[in-house]
């Protein structure tokens, strides 16, 4: 004798799987934006650590090149450098868009790093 099954549990499993895939897809997009920001800020920190051996123009060129290679917006490459007798600050400001279901979220980043010379 063959037992008849409704199949509701299979449909529930597929729906849950669909939700998980959607969350992973959009989470990956958001995570990529934040990872690029982290890498850019890390590069700023490294440039500040060795700032006494490099000119402001060299630091700007390196950070602008990195911003371009990371795929950051052009605004990220507009790096501001302030030096005093014993301190240096490197900063930038830019925005990125994150695509979410039904809308686009704009996120502002302002990476900055400061240290003594």
Protein backbone atom coordinates (compact mmCIF):
# COMPACT_ATOMS: atom_id res chain seq x y z
CA UNK A 1 0.00 0.00 0.00
CA UNK A 2 1.32 3.44 -0.96
CA UNK A 3 1.11 6.24 1.60
CA UNK A 4 0.12 9.65 0.28
CA UNK A 5 2.08 12.67 1.50
CA UNK A 6 1.08 16.30 1.14
CA UNK A 7 4.58 17.60 0.49
CA UNK A 8 4.20 20.61 2.79
CA UNK A 9 7.46 19.94 4.56
CA UNK A 10 9.34 19.91 1.25
CA UNK A 11 7.83 23.25 0.27
CA UNK A 12 8.76 24.71 3.67
CA UNK A 13 12.32 23.50 3.22
CA UNK A 14 12.57 25.10 -0.23
CA UNK A 15 11.18 28.39 1.08
CA UNK A 16 13.71 28.41 3.94
CA UNK A 17 16.49 27.62 1.49
CA UNK A 18 15.36 30.49 -0.77
CA UNK A 19 15.43 32.93 2.17
CA UNK A 20 18.92 31.77 3.20
CA UNK A 21 20.27 32.17 -0.33
CA UNK A 22 18.79 35.69 -0.58
CA UNK A 23 20.29 36.71 2.78
CA UNK A 24 23.69 35.30 1.75
CA UNK A 25 23.59 37.09 -1.62
CA UNK A 26 22.74 40.51 -0.23
CA UNK A 27 24.95 39.97 2.81
CA UNK A 28 27.88 39.29 0.51
CA UNK A 29 27.29 42.60 -1.30
CA UNK A 30 27.21 44.51 1.98
CA UNK A 31 30.20 42.64 3.38
CA UNK A 32 32.26 43.42 0.30
CA UNK A 33 31.67 47.16 0.74
CA UNK A 34 32.75 47.06 4.39
CA UNK A 35 35.78 44.88 3.61
CA UNK A 36 37.03 47.37 1.00
CA UNK A 37 36.62 50.17 3.54
CA UNK A 38 38.60 48.18 6.10
CA UNK A 39 41.42 47.53 3.61
CA UNK A 40 41.59 51.22 2.69
CA UNK A 41 41.75 52.29 6.34
CA UNK A 42 44.45 49.67 7.00
CA UNK A 43 46.50 51.11 4.13
CA UNK A 44 46.09 54.59 5.63
CA UNK A 45 47.40 53.27 8.93
CA UNK A 46 50.45 51.77 7.22
CA UNK A 47 51.16 54.99 5.33
CA UNK A 48 50.98 56.98 8.58
CA UNK A 49 53.37 54.59 10.32
CA UNK A 50 56.03 55.25 7.68
CA UNK A 51 55.12 58.90 7.01
CA UNK A 52 58.45 60.27 8.16
CA UNK A 53 60.07 58.48 5.19
CA UNK A 54 57.58 59.61 2.52
CA UNK A 55 56.33 62.93 1.22
CA UNK A 56 52.67 63.92 1.26
CA UNK A 57 52.49 63.51 -2.51
CA UNK A 58 53.86 59.95 -2.31
CA UNK A 59 51.28 59.04 0.34
CA UNK A 60 48.47 60.55 -1.75
CA UNK A 61 49.60 58.67 -4.87
CA UNK A 62 49.76 55.34 -3.05
CA UNK A 63 46.36 55.75 -1.41
CA UNK A 64 44.74 57.01 -4.62
CA UNK A 65 46.15 54.01 -6.47
CA UNK A 66 44.89 51.62 -3.79
CA UNK A 67 41.43 53.21 -3.80
CA UNK A 68 41.31 52.71 -7.56
CA UNK A 69 42.45 49.08 -7.37
CA UNK A 70 39.90 48.32 -4.63
CA UNK A 71 37.13 49.74 -6.80
CA UNK A 72 36.27 52.55 -4.38
CA UNK A 73 34.53 55.71 -5.62
CA UNK A 74 36.69 58.58 -6.87
CA UNK A 75 36.00 60.55 -3.69
CA UNK A 76 38.00 57.98 -1.70
CA UNK A 77 41.10 58.95 -3.66
CA UNK A 78 40.82 62.56 -2.47
CA UNK A 79 43.03 62.05 0.55
CA UNK A 80 43.68 64.86 3.01
CA UNK A 81 47.00 64.94 4.81
CA UNK A 82 47.74 67.24 7.73
CA UNK A 83 51.22 67.39 9.21
CA UNK A 84 52.46 69.24 12.23
CA UNK A 85 55.89 69.16 13.82
CA UNK A 86 55.16 65.89 15.62
CA UNK A 87 51.87 64.51 14.22
CA UNK A 88 50.31 63.41 10.91
CA UNK A 89 46.67 62.77 10.07
CA UNK A 90 45.45 61.09 6.89
CA UNK A 91 41.73 61.08 6.09
CA UNK A 92 39.20 60.68 3.32
CA UNK A 93 35.42 60.72 2.89
CA UNK A 94 33.26 58.83 0.41
CA UNK A 95 29.92 57.07 0.03
CA UNK A 96 29.03 53.67 -1.40
CA UNK A 97 25.70 52.13 -2.37
CA UNK A 98 24.58 48.72 -1.14
CA UNK A 99 21.86 47.00 -3.15
CA UNK A 100 19.20 45.45 -0.96
CA UNK A 101 15.87 43.91 -1.96
CA UNK A 102 13.63 46.74 -3.09
CA UNK A 103 15.96 49.65 -2.35
CA UNK A 104 19.52 50.91 -2.36
CA UNK A 105 21.18 51.97 0.89
CA UNK A 106 23.83 54.67 0.79
CA UNK A 107 26.59 54.26 3.37
CA UNK A 108 29.07 57.01 4.22
CA UNK A 109 32.65 56.20 5.15
CA UNK A 110 35.21 58.56 6.65
CA UNK A 111 38.39 56.55 7.24
CA UNK A 112 41.02 58.45 9.16
CA UNK A 113 44.22 57.65 10.94
CA UNK A 114 46.50 59.81 13.03
CA UNK A 115 49.84 59.16 14.72
CA UNK A 116 52.92 60.87 16.03
CA UNK A 117 56.01 61.27 13.90
